[in-house]
Amino acid sequence: LEDLLPPGFEDDSTYVIGLINLAQLTGAIHLLPGLFMICVWCLDGNTLLQGVAWLDASKDTLSPVDLAGCFDARRDLTRARINSLRQRIASLPSSDCSHSGACKNVLHALFLLAMSDEPYPFVRLCEFPTAQGLCSACQERLATLDEAEMSLIWAELPELVGLGQIEGWGEKRERE
């Protein structure tokens, strides 16, 4: 999260609605995908609907179009996450796997854990403690797949949050 906030801002998602409005006003559309993702994953429903009130009685709110976009983005990011998890699990065990049966059991457990975890789209399965139960070949393959999937989701982020394609954003690639 801290990598997506502008320098000088605290790691506090209450700024995100104001930042979305500011980015739109200034034409800084390249900031919007990350800001919408923060909005979708970090703000509760009440804050999305009501906005953020400040001490000076001003209020940052999302436009109706942006609010609807947040709901759609949550759905689309969740779908992307599930598809990404399925893709990685289906690509394992590694062809060099030394414990196929055991690794398949660990992969099943990893999938269930990831599905029950916070539905944030950028999930690295190799960082789950359960992944340590995989053989070294499967651990290595999983780490490679994790990075590839994170890159794919990042490249698709503008479309996943309803902004369409943004020139210069990420490199579109095919899944392995």
Foldseek 3Di string as FASTA:
>chain_A
DVVLDDPPDDPDLLCLLVVLVVCVVVVVVVSPLSSLLCVLQPDDPCCQQVADADPVRDGRYDDPVLSVLSVQLNVLLLVLQLVLLVLLLVCDDDPPFPCRVQQNVLSVVLSVVCVVDRSRRLDQSLPPPSVVSGDPSRSVSSNVSSVVSNLQCQQCSCVSSPNPHDPPGGDHDDHD
